PDB file of N, CA and C in Angstrom:
ATOM      1  N   MET A   1      12.659  33.081  24.529  1.00  0.00           N
ATOM      2  CA  MET A   1      11.942  31.830  24.651  1.00  0.00           C
ATOM      3  C   MET A   1      11.205  31.504  23.355  1.00  0.00           C
ATOM      4  N   SER A   2      10.614  32.506  22.682  1.00  0.00           N
ATOM      5  CA  SER A   2       9.895  32.255  21.439  1.00  0.00           C
ATOM      6  C   SER A   2      10.863  31.844  20.322  1.00  0.00           C
ATOM      7  N   ASN A   3      12.085  32.384  20.349  1.00  0.00           N
ATOM      8  CA  ASN A   3      13.084  31.975  19.360  1.00  0.00           C
ATOM      9  C   ASN A   3      13.436  30.502  19.520  1.00  0.00           C
ATOM     10  N   LYS A   4      13.496  30.052  20.779  1.00  0.00           N
ATOM     11  CA  LYS A   4      13.820  28.656  21.044  1.00  0.00           C
ATOM     12  C   LYS A   4      12.707  27.742  20.530  1.00  0.00           C
ATOM     13  N   LYS A   5      11.455  28.153  20.766  1.00  0.00           N
ATOM     14  CA  LYS A   5      10.323  27.355  20.286  1.00  0.00           C
ATOM     15  C   LYS A   5      10.292  27.330  18.762  1.00  0.00           C
ATOM     16  N   SER A   6      10.496  28.450  18.154  1.00  0.00           N
ATOM     17  CA  SER A   6      10.446  28.483  16.695  1.00  0.00           C
ATOM     18  C   SER A   6      11.603  27.693  16.089  1.00  0.00           C
ATOM     19  N   ALA A   7      12.757  27.734  16.718  1.00  0.00           N
ATOM     20  CA  ALA A   7      13.901  26.972  16.218  1.00  0.00           C
ATOM     21  C   ALA A   7      13.646  25.474  16.355  1.00  0.00           C
ATOM     22  N   SER A   8      13.115  25.064  17.501  1.00  0.00           N
ATOM     23  CA  SER A   8      12.852  23.636  17.690  1.00  0.00           C
ATOM     24  C   SER A   8      11.720  23.160  16.775  1.00  0.00           C
ATOM     25  N   SER A   9      10.716  24.006  16.574  1.00  0.00           N
ATOM     26  CA  SER A   9       9.639  23.606  15.657  1.00  0.00           C
ATOM     27  C   SER A   9      10.148  23.564  14.219  1.00  0.00           C
ATOM     28  N   LEU A  10      11.062  24.463  13.873  1.00  0.00           N
ATOM     29  CA  LEU A  10      11.661  24.456  12.547  1.00  0.00           C
ATOM     30  C   LEU A  10      12.451  23.169  12.329  1.00  0.00           C
ATOM     31  N   ILE A  11      13.209  22.777  13.333  1.00  0.00           N
ATOM     32  CA  ILE A  11      13.990  21.541  13.241  1.00  0.00           C
ATOM     33  C   ILE A  11      13.061  20.333  13.128  1.00  0.00           C
ATOM     34  N   SER A  12      11.998  20.314  13.917  1.00  0.00           N
ATOM     35  CA  SER A  12      11.032  19.212  13.852  1.00  0.00           C
ATOM     36  C   SER A  12      10.381  19.134  12.478  1.00  0.00           C
ATOM     37  N   ASP A  13       9.984  20.270  11.940  1.00  0.00           N
ATOM     38  CA  ASP A  13       9.384  20.296  10.607  1.00  0.00           C
ATOM     39  C   ASP A  13      10.367  19.807   9.547  1.00  0.00           C
ATOM     40  N   LEU A  14      11.615  20.234   9.673  1.00  0.00           N
ATOM     41  CA  LEU A  14      12.640  19.828   8.724  1.00  0.00           C
ATOM     42  C   LEU A  14      12.868  18.323   8.784  1.00  0.00           C
ATOM     43  N   LYS A  15      12.934  17.781   9.990  1.00  0.00           N
ATOM     44  CA  LYS A  15      13.116  16.330  10.144  1.00  0.00           C
ATOM     45  C   LYS A  15      11.939  15.578   9.546  1.00  0.00           C
ATOM     46  N   ARG A  16      10.728  16.063   9.795  1.00  0.00           N
ATOM     47  CA  ARG A  16       9.529  15.415   9.289  1.00  0.00           C
ATOM     48  C   ARG A  16       9.503  15.416   7.766  1.00  0.00           C
ATOM     49  N   LYS A  17       9.896  16.525   7.165  1.00  0.00           N
ATOM     50  CA  LYS A  17       9.855  16.647   5.711  1.00  0.00           C
ATOM     51  C   LYS A  17      10.963  15.860   5.022  1.00  0.00           C
ATOM     52  N   THR A  18      12.078  15.657   5.692  1.00  0.00           N
ATOM     53  CA  THR A  18      13.200  14.944   5.081  1.00  0.00           C
ATOM     54  C   THR A  18      13.244  13.479   5.493  1.00  0.00           C
ATOM     55  N   ARG A  19      12.268  13.024   6.250  1.00  0.00           N
ATOM     56  CA  ARG A  19      12.220  11.630   6.678  1.00  0.00           C
ATOM     57  C   ARG A  19      12.048  10.737   5.465  1.00  0.00           C
ATOM     58  N   ARG A  20      12.852   9.714   5.395  1.00  0.00           N
ATOM     59  CA  ARG A  20      12.806   8.800   4.269  1.00  0.00           C
ATOM     60  C   ARG A  20      11.699   7.773   4.480  1.00  0.00           C
ATOM     61  N   SER A  21      10.973   7.481   3.418  1.00  0.00           N
ATOM     62  CA  SER A  21       9.981   6.420   3.493  1.00  0.00           C
ATOM     63  C   SER A  21      10.527   5.220   2.720  1.00  0.00           C
ATOM     64  N   TYR A  22      10.271   4.045   3.220  1.00  0.00           N
ATOM     65  CA  TYR A  22      10.788   2.820   2.636  1.00  0.00           C
ATOM     66  C   TYR A  22       9.648   2.044   1.982  1.00  0.00           C
ATOM     67  N   SER A  23       9.907   1.525   0.794  1.00  0.00           N
ATOM     68  CA  SER A  23       8.903   0.705   0.119  1.00  0.00           C
ATOM     69  C   SER A  23       8.857  -0.658   0.798  1.00  0.00           C
ATOM     70  N   SER A  24       7.814  -1.403   0.522  1.00  0.00           N
ATOM     71  CA  SER A  24       7.697  -2.733   1.135  1.00  0.00           C
ATOM     72  C   SER A  24       8.844  -3.638   0.681  1.00  0.00           C
ATOM     73  N   GLU A  25       9.302  -3.493  -0.560  1.00  0.00           N
ATOM     74  CA  GLU A  25      10.415  -4.304  -1.052  1.00  0.00           C
ATOM     75  C   GLU A  25      11.694  -3.985  -0.279  1.00  0.00           C
ATOM     76  N   GLU A  26      11.924  -2.695   0.010  1.00  0.00           N
ATOM     77  CA  GLU A  26      13.109  -2.310   0.775  1.00  0.00           C
ATOM     78  C   GLU A  26      13.036  -2.852   2.199  1.00  0.00           C
ATOM     79  N   LYS A  27      11.865  -2.772   2.797  1.00  0.00           N
ATOM     80  CA  LYS A  27      11.695  -3.294   4.154  1.00  0.00           C
ATOM     81  C   LYS A  27      11.972  -4.789   4.191  1.00  0.00           C
ATOM     82  N   ILE A  28      11.429  -5.518   3.223  1.00  0.00           N
ATOM     83  CA  ILE A  28      11.642  -6.966   3.167  1.00  0.00           C
ATOM     84  C   ILE A  28      13.126  -7.277   2.992  1.00  0.00           C
ATOM     85  N   ARG A  29      13.792  -6.543   2.123  1.00  0.00           N
ATOM     86  CA  ARG A  29      15.230  -6.752   1.906  1.00  0.00           C
ATOM     87  C   ARG A  29      16.009  -6.559   3.198  1.00  0.00           C
ATOM     88  N   ILE A  30      15.682  -5.499   3.930  1.00  0.00           N
ATOM     89  CA  ILE A  30      16.376  -5.197   5.182  1.00  0.00           C
ATOM     90  C   ILE A  30      16.098  -6.290   6.206  1.00  0.00           C
ATOM     91  N   ILE A  31      14.862  -6.718   6.307  1.00  0.00           N
ATOM     92  CA  ILE A  31      14.498  -7.763   7.275  1.00  0.00           C
ATOM     93  C   ILE A  31      15.221  -9.060   6.957  1.00  0.00           C
ATOM     94  N   ILE A  32      15.231  -9.451   5.697  1.00  0.00           N
ATOM     95  CA  ILE A  32      15.898 -10.701   5.314  1.00  0.00           C
ATOM     96  C   ILE A  32      17.393 -10.613   5.574  1.00  0.00           C
ATOM     97  N   GLU A  33      17.968  -9.454   5.314  1.00  0.00           N
ATOM     98  CA  GLU A  33      19.387  -9.260   5.609  1.00  0.00           C
ATOM     99  C   GLU A  33      19.651  -9.428   7.101  1.00  0.00           C
ATOM    100  N   GLY A  34      18.736  -8.939   7.922  1.00  0.00           N
ATOM    101  CA  GLY A  34      18.877  -9.104   9.365  1.00  0.00           C
ATOM    102  C   GLY A  34      18.710 -10.545   9.797  1.00  0.00           C
ATOM    103  N   ILE A  35      17.799 -11.263   9.140  1.00  0.00           N
ATOM    104  CA  ILE A  35      17.566 -12.666   9.473  1.00  0.00           C
ATOM    105  C   ILE A  35      18.783 -13.518   9.111  1.00  0.00           C
ATOM    106  N   ARG A  36      19.459 -13.163   8.026  1.00  0.00           N
ATOM    107  CA  ARG A  36      20.655 -13.915   7.624  1.00  0.00           C
ATOM    108  C   ARG A  36      21.714 -13.907   8.727  1.00  0.00           C
ATOM    109  N   GLY A  37      21.778 -12.814   9.460  1.00  0.00           N
ATOM    110  CA  GLY A  37      22.705 -12.741  10.578  1.00  0.00           C
ATOM    111  C   GLY A  37      24.154 -12.504  10.209  1.00  0.00           C
ATOM    112  N   GLU A  38      24.409 -12.047   8.991  1.00  0.00           N
ATOM    113  CA  GLU A  38      25.787 -11.781   8.582  1.00  0.00           C
ATOM    114  C   GLU A  38      26.366 -10.582   9.327  1.00  0.00           C
ATOM    115  N   THR A  39      25.515  -9.641   9.688  1.00  0.00           N
ATOM    116  CA  THR A  39      25.920  -8.499  10.514  1.00  0.00           C
ATOM    117  C   THR A  39      24.931  -8.386  11.664  1.00  0.00           C
ATOM    118  N   THR A  40      25.299  -7.636  12.674  1.00  0.00           N
ATOM    119  CA  THR A  40      24.389  -7.445  13.795  1.00  0.00           C
ATOM    120  C   THR A  40      23.254  -6.522  13.360  1.00  0.00           C
ATOM    121  N   ILE A  41      22.161  -6.591  14.083  1.00  0.00           N
ATOM    122  CA  ILE A  41      21.014  -5.734  13.789  1.00  0.00           C
ATOM    123  C   ILE A  41      21.411  -4.265  13.948  1.00  0.00           C
ATOM    124  N   ALA A  42      22.216  -3.972  14.959  1.00  0.00           N
ATOM    125  CA  ALA A  42      22.654  -2.595  15.186  1.00  0.00           C
ATOM    126  C   ALA A  42      23.447  -2.073  13.991  1.00  0.00           C
ATOM    127  N   GLU A  43      24.367  -2.890  13.464  1.00  0.00           N
ATOM    128  CA  GLU A  43      25.155  -2.469  12.303  1.00  0.00           C
ATOM    129  C   GLU A  43      24.266  -2.287  11.078  1.00  0.00           C
ATOM    130  N   LEU A  44      23.356  -3.221  10.878  1.00  0.00           N
ATOM    131  CA  LEU A  44      22.428  -3.142   9.746  1.00  0.00           C
ATOM    132  C   LEU A  44      21.598  -1.865   9.814  1.00  0.00           C
ATOM    133  N   CYS A  45      21.069  -1.566  10.998  1.00  0.00           N
ATOM    134  CA  CYS A  45      20.244  -0.371  11.168  1.00  0.00           C
ATOM    135  C   CYS A  45      21.048   0.899  10.929  1.00  0.00           C
ATOM    136  N   ARG A  46      22.286   0.917  11.402  1.00  0.00           N
ATOM    137  CA  ARG A  46      23.147   2.093  11.147  1.00  0.00           C
ATOM    138  C   ARG A  46      23.391   2.245   9.656  1.00  0.00           C
ATOM    139  N   LYS A  47      23.702   1.139   8.993  1.00  0.00           N
ATOM    140  CA  LYS A  47      23.970   1.172   7.554  1.00  0.00           C
ATOM    141  C   LYS A  47      22.761   1.656   6.768  1.00  0.00           C
ATOM    142  N   GLU A  48      21.566   1.209   7.156  1.00  0.00           N
ATOM    143  CA  GLU A  48      20.337   1.565   6.436  1.00  0.00           C
ATOM    144  C   GLU A  48      19.740   2.892   6.898  1.00  0.00           C
ATOM    145  N   GLY A  49      20.228   3.423   8.017  1.00  0.00           N
ATOM    146  CA  GLY A  49      19.719   4.699   8.514  1.00  0.00           C
ATOM    147  C   GLY A  49      18.360   4.600   9.175  1.00  0.00           C
ATOM    148  N   ILE A  50      18.094   3.464   9.834  1.00  0.00           N
ATOM    149  CA  ILE A  50      16.824   3.293  10.538  1.00  0.00           C
ATOM    150  C   ILE A  50      17.101   2.981  12.007  1.00  0.00           C
ATOM    151  N   SER A  51      16.093   3.169  12.821  1.00  0.00           N
ATOM    152  CA  SER A  51      16.254   2.827  14.232  1.00  0.00           C
ATOM    153  C   SER A  51      16.012   1.330  14.407  1.00  0.00           C
ATOM    154  N   GLN A  52      16.573   0.782  15.469  1.00  0.00           N
ATOM    155  CA  GLN A  52      16.360  -0.636  15.749  1.00  0.00           C
ATOM    156  C   GLN A  52      14.882  -0.906  16.031  1.00  0.00           C
ATOM    157  N   ALA A  53      14.210   0.060  16.642  1.00  0.00           N
ATOM    158  CA  ALA A  53      12.779  -0.098  16.919  1.00  0.00           C
ATOM    159  C   ALA A  53      12.009  -0.280  15.615  1.00  0.00           C
ATOM    160  N   ASN A  54      12.376   0.500  14.589  1.00  0.00           N
ATOM    161  CA  ASN A  54      11.737   0.345  13.274  1.00  0.00           C
ATOM    162  C   ASN A  54      11.994  -1.044  12.703  1.00  0.00           C
ATOM    163  N   TYR A  55      13.248  -1.489  12.785  1.00  0.00           N
ATOM    164  CA  TYR A  55      13.597  -2.810  12.267  1.00  0.00           C
ATOM    165  C   TYR A  55      12.743  -3.879  12.933  1.00  0.00           C
ATOM    166  N   TYR A  56      12.659  -3.854  14.247  1.00  0.00           N
ATOM    167  CA  TYR A  56      11.921  -4.889  14.962  1.00  0.00           C
ATOM    168  C   TYR A  56      10.411  -4.802  14.703  1.00  0.00           C
ATOM    169  N   LYS A  57       9.905  -3.594  14.497  1.00  0.00           N
ATOM    170  CA  LYS A  57       8.481  -3.441  14.150  1.00  0.00           C
ATOM    171  C   LYS A  57       8.213  -4.042  12.778  1.00  0.00           C
ATOM    172  N   TRP A  58       9.078  -3.701  11.796  1.00  0.00           N
ATOM    173  CA  TRP A  58       8.924  -4.256  10.458  1.00  0.00           C
ATOM    174  C   TRP A  58       9.040  -5.776  10.491  1.00  0.00           C
ATOM    175  N   SER A  59       9.990  -6.274  11.263  1.00  0.00           N
ATOM    176  CA  SER A  59      10.207  -7.711  11.358  1.00  0.00           C
ATOM    177  C   SER A  59       8.978  -8.407  11.949  1.00  0.00           C
ATOM    178  N   LYS A  60       8.411  -7.818  12.991  1.00  0.00           N
ATOM    179  CA  LYS A  60       7.209  -8.389  13.612  1.00  0.00           C
ATOM    180  C   LYS A  60       6.055  -8.396  12.617  1.00  0.00           C
ATOM    181  N   ASP A  61       5.840  -7.276  11.911  1.00  0.00           N
ATOM    182  CA  ASP A  61       4.772  -7.195  10.911  1.00  0.00           C
ATOM    183  C   ASP A  61       4.981  -8.231   9.808  1.00  0.00           C
ATOM    184  N   PHE A  62       6.227  -8.391   9.379  1.00  0.00           N
ATOM    185  CA  PHE A  62       6.578  -9.339   8.328  1.00  0.00           C
ATOM    186  C   PHE A  62       6.253 -10.766   8.762  1.00  0.00           C
ATOM    187  N   MET A  63       6.641 -11.110   9.969  1.00  0.00           N
ATOM    188  CA  MET A  63       6.404 -12.466  10.483  1.00  0.00           C
ATOM    189  C   MET A  63       4.907 -12.723  10.693  1.00  0.00           C
ATOM    190  N   GLU A  64       4.186 -11.734  11.199  1.00  0.00           N
ATOM    191  CA  GLU A  64       2.739 -11.885  11.412  1.00  0.00           C
ATOM    192  C   GLU A  64       2.015 -12.082  10.085  1.00  0.00           C
ATOM    193  N   ALA A  65       2.397 -11.302   9.072  1.00  0.00           N
ATOM    194  CA  ALA A  65       1.759 -11.430   7.755  1.00  0.00           C
ATOM    195  C   ALA A  65       2.047 -12.807   7.168  1.00  0.00           C
ATOM    196  N   GLY A  66       3.278 -13.285   7.331  1.00  0.00           N
ATOM    197  CA  GLY A  66       3.625 -14.617   6.837  1.00  0.00           C
ATOM    198  C   GLY A  66       2.847 -15.702   7.555  1.00  0.00           C
ATOM    199  N   LYS A  67       2.706 -15.548   8.860  1.00  0.00           N
ATOM    200  CA  LYS A  67       1.965 -16.539   9.653  1.00  0.00           C
ATOM    201  C   LYS A  67       0.500 -16.576   9.214  1.00  0.00           C
ATOM    202  N   LYS A  68      -0.096 -15.401   9.017  1.00  0.00           N
ATOM    203  CA  LYS A  68      -1.492 -15.338   8.578  1.00  0.00           C
ATOM    204  C   LYS A  68      -1.652 -15.965   7.196  1.00  0.00           C
ATOM    205  N   ARG A  69      -0.728 -15.659   6.310  1.00  0.00           N
ATOM    206  CA  ARG A  69      -0.816 -16.181   4.941  1.00  0.00           C
ATOM    207  C   ARG A  69      -0.687 -17.693   4.934  1.00  0.00           C
ATOM    208  N   LEU A  70       0.223 -18.228   5.740  1.00  0.00           N
ATOM    209  CA  LEU A  70       0.414 -19.673   5.773  1.00  0.00           C
ATOM    210  C   LEU A  70      -0.762 -20.396   6.411  1.00  0.00           C
ATOM    211  N   SER A  71      -1.446 -19.727   7.334  1.00  0.00           N
ATOM    212  CA  SER A  71      -2.600 -20.367   7.957  1.00  0.00           C
ATOM    213  C   SER A  71      -3.868 -20.157   7.137  1.00  0.00           C
ATOM    214  N   GLY A  72      -3.784 -19.390   6.054  1.00  0.00           N
ATOM    215  CA  GLY A  72      -4.920 -19.201   5.162  1.00  0.00           C
ATOM    216  C   GLY A  72      -5.882 -18.129   5.622  1.00  0.00           C
ATOM    217  N   ASP A  73      -5.457 -17.242   6.517  1.00  0.00           N
ATOM    218  CA  ASP A  73      -6.343 -16.193   7.025  1.00  0.00           C
ATOM    219  C   ASP A  73      -6.582 -15.075   6.029  1.00  0.00           C
ATOM    220  N   THR A  74      -5.681 -14.871   5.108  1.00  0.00           N
ATOM    221  CA  THR A  74      -5.832 -13.754   4.181  1.00  0.00           C
ATOM    222  C   THR A  74      -6.229 -14.267   2.809  1.00  0.00           C
ATOM    223  N   MET A  75      -6.889 -13.415   2.071  1.00  0.00           N
ATOM    224  CA  MET A  75      -7.291 -13.781   0.717  1.00  0.00           C
ATOM    225  C   MET A  75      -6.064 -13.756  -0.182  1.00  0.00           C
ATOM    226  N   ARG A  76      -5.964 -14.737  -1.029  1.00  0.00           N
ATOM    227  CA  ARG A  76      -4.859 -14.800  -1.968  1.00  0.00           C
ATOM    228  C   ARG A  76      -5.187 -13.899  -3.152  1.00  0.00           C
ATOM    229  N   GLU A  77      -4.200 -13.181  -3.612  1.00  0.00           N
ATOM    230  CA  GLU A  77      -4.438 -12.321  -4.766  1.00  0.00           C
ATOM    231  C   GLU A  77      -4.495 -13.174  -6.019  1.00  0.00           C
ATOM    232  N   ALA A  78      -5.331 -12.761  -6.943  1.00  0.00           N
ATOM    233  CA  ALA A  78      -5.505 -13.518  -8.177  1.00  0.00           C
ATOM    234  C   ALA A  78      -4.245 -13.440  -9.030  1.00  0.00           C
ATOM    235  N   ASN A  79      -3.929 -14.546  -9.682  1.00  0.00           N
ATOM    236  CA  ASN A  79      -2.796 -14.516 -10.590  1.00  0.00           C
ATOM    237  C   ASN A  79      -3.280 -14.118 -11.985  1.00  0.00           C
ATOM    238  N   THR A  80      -2.364 -13.994 -12.896  1.00  0.00           N
ATOM    239  CA  THR A  80      -2.673 -13.471 -14.223  1.00  0.00           C
ATOM    240  C   THR A  80      -3.691 -14.334 -14.966  1.00  0.00           C
ATOM    241  N   SER A  81      -3.555 -15.655 -14.901  1.00  0.00           N
ATOM    242  CA  SER A  81      -4.496 -16.512 -15.630  1.00  0.00           C
ATOM    243  C   SER A  81      -5.902 -16.405 -15.046  1.00  0.00           C
ATOM    244  N   GLU A  82      -6.007 -16.290 -13.722  1.00  0.00           N
ATOM    245  CA  GLU A  82      -7.326 -16.126 -13.102  1.00  0.00           C
ATOM    246  C   GLU A  82      -7.964 -14.810 -13.524  1.00  0.00           C
ATOM    247  N   VAL A  83      -7.170 -13.763 -13.571  1.00  0.00           N
ATOM    248  CA  VAL A  83      -7.683 -12.457 -13.993  1.00  0.00           C
ATOM    249  C   VAL A  83      -8.163 -12.536 -15.435  1.00  0.00           C
ATOM    250  N   GLN A  84      -7.403 -13.195 -16.296  1.00  0.00           N
ATOM    251  CA  GLN A  84      -7.794 -13.321 -17.705  1.00  0.00           C
ATOM    252  C   GLN A  84      -9.094 -14.113 -17.834  1.00  0.00           C
ATOM    253  N   GLU A  85      -9.235 -15.190 -17.052  1.00  0.00           N
ATOM    254  CA  GLU A  85     -10.471 -15.981 -17.085  1.00  0.00           C
ATOM    255  C   GLU A  85     -11.661 -15.141 -16.647  1.00  0.00           C
ATOM    256  N   LEU A  86     -11.472 -14.343 -15.598  1.00  0.00           N
ATOM    257  CA  LEU A  86     -12.562 -13.497 -15.113  1.00  0.00           C
ATOM    258  C   LEU A  86     -12.935 -12.430 -16.139  1.00  0.00           C
ATOM    259  N   LYS A  87     -11.942 -11.878 -16.819  1.00  0.00           N
ATOM    260  CA  LYS A  87     -12.222 -10.884 -17.861  1.00  0.00           C
ATOM    261  C   LYS A  87     -13.011 -11.510 -19.007  1.00  0.00           C
ATOM    262  N   THR A  88     -12.637 -12.712 -19.386  1.00  0.00           N
ATOM    263  CA  THR A  88     -13.352 -13.416 -20.461  1.00  0.00           C
ATOM    264  C   THR A  88     -14.789 -13.697 -20.046  1.00  0.00           C
ATOM    265  N   GLU A  89     -14.963 -14.202 -18.830  1.00  0.00           N
ATOM    266  CA  GLU A  89     -16.312 -14.487 -18.325  1.00  0.00           C
ATOM    267  C   GLU A  89     -17.140 -13.210 -18.251  1.00  0.00           C
ATOM    268  N   ASN A  90     -16.521 -12.118 -17.800  1.00  0.00           N
ATOM    269  CA  ASN A  90     -17.213 -10.837 -17.724  1.00  0.00           C
ATOM    270  C   ASN A  90     -17.668 -10.381 -19.110  1.00  0.00           C
ATOM    271  N   GLY A  91     -16.814 -10.531 -20.103  1.00  0.00           N
ATOM    272  CA  GLY A  91     -17.172 -10.167 -21.473  1.00  0.00           C
ATOM    273  C   GLY A  91     -18.333 -10.999 -21.990  1.00  0.00           C
ATOM    274  N   ASP A  92     -18.288 -12.314 -21.708  1.00  0.00           N
ATOM    275  CA  ASP A  92     -19.378 -13.204 -22.131  1.00  0.00           C
ATOM    276  C   ASP A  92     -20.700 -12.798 -21.479  1.00  0.00           C
ATOM    277  N   LEU A  93     -20.648 -12.486 -20.197  1.00  0.00           N
ATOM    278  CA  LEU A  93     -21.870 -12.089 -19.492  1.00  0.00           C
ATOM    279  C   LEU A  93     -22.425 -10.770 -20.025  1.00  0.00           C
ATOM    280  N   LYS A  94     -21.539  -9.829 -20.329  1.00  0.00           N
ATOM    281  CA  LYS A  94     -21.989  -8.556 -20.904  1.00  0.00           C
ATOM    282  C   LYS A  94     -22.676  -8.786 -22.249  1.00  0.00           C
ATOM    283  N   GLU A  95     -22.102  -9.679 -23.046  1.00  0.00           N
ATOM    284  CA  GLU A  95     -22.686  -9.993 -24.353  1.00  0.00           C
ATOM    285  C   GLU A  95     -24.069 -10.623 -24.175  1.00  0.00           C
ATOM    286  N   LEU A  96     -24.202 -11.517 -23.205  1.00  0.00           N
ATOM    287  CA  LEU A  96     -25.481 -12.165 -22.927  1.00  0.00           C
ATOM    288  C   LEU A  96     -26.522 -11.132 -22.487  1.00  0.00           C
ATOM    289  N   VAL A  97     -26.140 -10.217 -21.623  1.00  0.00           N
ATOM    290  CA  VAL A  97     -27.055  -9.168 -21.165  1.00  0.00           C
ATOM    291  C   VAL A  97     -27.506  -8.315 -22.345  1.00  0.00           C
ATOM    292  N   ALA A  98     -26.586  -7.993 -23.243  1.00  0.00           N
ATOM    293  CA  ALA A  98     -26.945  -7.190 -24.415  1.00  0.00           C
ATOM    294  C   ALA A  98     -27.937  -7.930 -25.303  1.00  0.00           C
ATOM    295  N   GLU A  99     -27.689  -9.215 -25.535  1.00  0.00           N
ATOM    296  CA  GLU A  99     -28.598 -10.008 -26.365  1.00  0.00           C
ATOM    297  C   GLU A  99     -29.986 -10.095 -25.730  1.00  0.00           C
ATOM    298  N   LEU A 100     -30.031 -10.349 -24.421  1.00  0.00           N
ATOM    299  CA  LEU A 100     -31.325 -10.443 -23.741  1.00  0.00           C
ATOM    300  C   LEU A 100     -32.050  -9.109 -23.737  1.00  0.00           C
ATOM    301  N   SER A 101     -31.331  -8.019 -23.610  1.00  0.00           N
ATOM    302  CA  SER A 101     -31.950  -6.693 -23.642  1.00  0.00           C
ATOM    303  C   SER A 101     -32.586  -6.430 -25.003  1.00  0.00           C
ATOM    304  N   LEU A 102     -31.862  -6.803 -26.067  1.00  0.00           N
ATOM    305  CA  LEU A 102     -32.419  -6.635 -27.417  1.00  0.00           C
ATOM    306  C   LEU A 102     -33.656  -7.499 -27.614  1.00  0.00           C
ATOM    307  N   GLU A 103     -33.610  -8.725 -27.093  1.00  0.00           N
ATOM    308  CA  GLU A 103     -34.754  -9.629 -27.214  1.00  0.00           C
ATOM    309  C   GLU A 103     -35.973  -9.080 -26.463  1.00  0.00           C
ATOM    310  N   VAL A 104     -35.749  -8.538 -25.260  1.00  0.00           N
ATOM    311  CA  VAL A 104     -36.844  -7.956 -24.480  1.00  0.00           C
ATOM    312  C   VAL A 104     -37.422  -6.756 -25.219  1.00  0.00           C
ATOM    313  N   ARG A 105     -36.574  -5.911 -25.766  1.00  0.00           N
ATOM    314  CA  ARG A 105     -37.031  -4.736 -26.519  1.00  0.00           C
ATOM    315  C   ARG A 105     -37.868  -5.176 -27.721  1.00  0.00           C
ATOM    316  N   HIS A 106     -37.386  -6.187 -28.426  1.00  0.00           N
ATOM    317  CA  HIS A 106     -38.105  -6.705 -29.592  1.00  0.00           C
ATOM    318  C   HIS A 106     -39.473  -7.263 -29.180  1.00  0.00           C
ATOM    319  N   MET A 107     -39.523  -7.996 -28.069  1.00  0.00           N
ATOM    320  CA  MET A 107     -40.787  -8.574 -27.601  1.00  0.00           C
ATOM    321  C   MET A 107     -41.767  -7.479 -27.167  1.00  0.00           C
ATOM    322  N   LYS A 108     -41.266  -6.428 -26.550  1.00  0.00           N
ATOM    323  CA  LYS A 108     -42.131  -5.322 -26.130  1.00  0.00           C
ATOM    324  C   LYS A 108     -42.737  -4.629 -27.350  1.00  0.00           C
ATOM    325  N   LYS A 109     -41.930  -4.420 -28.396  1.00  0.00           N
ATOM    326  CA  LYS A 109     -42.441  -3.781 -29.610  1.00  0.00           C
ATOM    327  C   LYS A 109     -43.533  -4.642 -30.250  1.00  0.00           C
ATOM    328  N   ASN A 110     -43.297  -5.947 -30.322  1.00  0.00           N
ATOM    329  CA  ASN A 110     -44.298  -6.850 -30.914  1.00  0.00           C
ATOM    330  C   ASN A 110     -45.558  -6.886 -30.080  1.00  0.00           C
ATOM    331  N   PHE A 111     -45.426  -6.893 -28.760  1.00  0.00           N
ATOM    332  CA  PHE A 111     -46.600  -6.958 -27.878  1.00  0.00           C
ATOM    333  C   PHE A 111     -47.416  -5.687 -27.993  1.00  0.00           C
ATOM    334  N   ASN A 112     -46.756  -4.525 -27.986  1.00  0.00           N
ATOM    335  CA  ASN A 112     -47.453  -3.250 -28.100  1.00  0.00           C
ATOM    336  C   ASN A 112     -48.049  -3.043 -29.481  1.00  0.00           C
ATOM    337  N   GLY A 113     -47.452  -3.586 -30.503  1.00  0.00           N
ATOM    338  CA  GLY A 113     -47.945  -3.436 -31.868  1.00  0.00           C
ATOM    339  C   GLY A 113     -49.168  -4.284 -32.139  1.00  0.00           C
ATOM    340  N   ASN A 114     -49.364  -5.379 -31.401  1.00  0.00           N
ATOM    341  CA  ASN A 114     -50.484  -6.315 -31.634  1.00  0.00           C
ATOM    342  C   ASN A 114     -51.744  -5.895 -30.932  1.00  0.00           C
ATOM    343  N   GLU A 115     -51.709  -4.878 -30.082  1.00  0.00           N
ATOM    344  CA  GLU A 115     -52.895  -4.480 -29.311  1.00  0.00           C
ATOM    345  C   GLU A 115     -53.928  -3.799 -30.159  1.00  0.00           C
TER     346      GLU A 115
END
């Protein structure tokens, strides 16, 4: 009985360690291929080596995320020009803080020296 348990646990561990993980780009590609309808979902899943349950879960998540994005529920990620503008503004603010710090230091020295 212990050999059976160890063999089944060994198989489970092996399956877990060799399980393929899919990137978001791969998931999107598979979902879009399924939406096109050129092949059945069952054939697509066999070809990609995934279960139909996985396909439908990914598809549901994909559609929900799209629905949220279109309704404006999620924050839009900044594009390159926005990031560059923020970096420039951040640099300007840092420079201003440095100038004001020097001015405060200078004023403190003058105030303490006049006493």
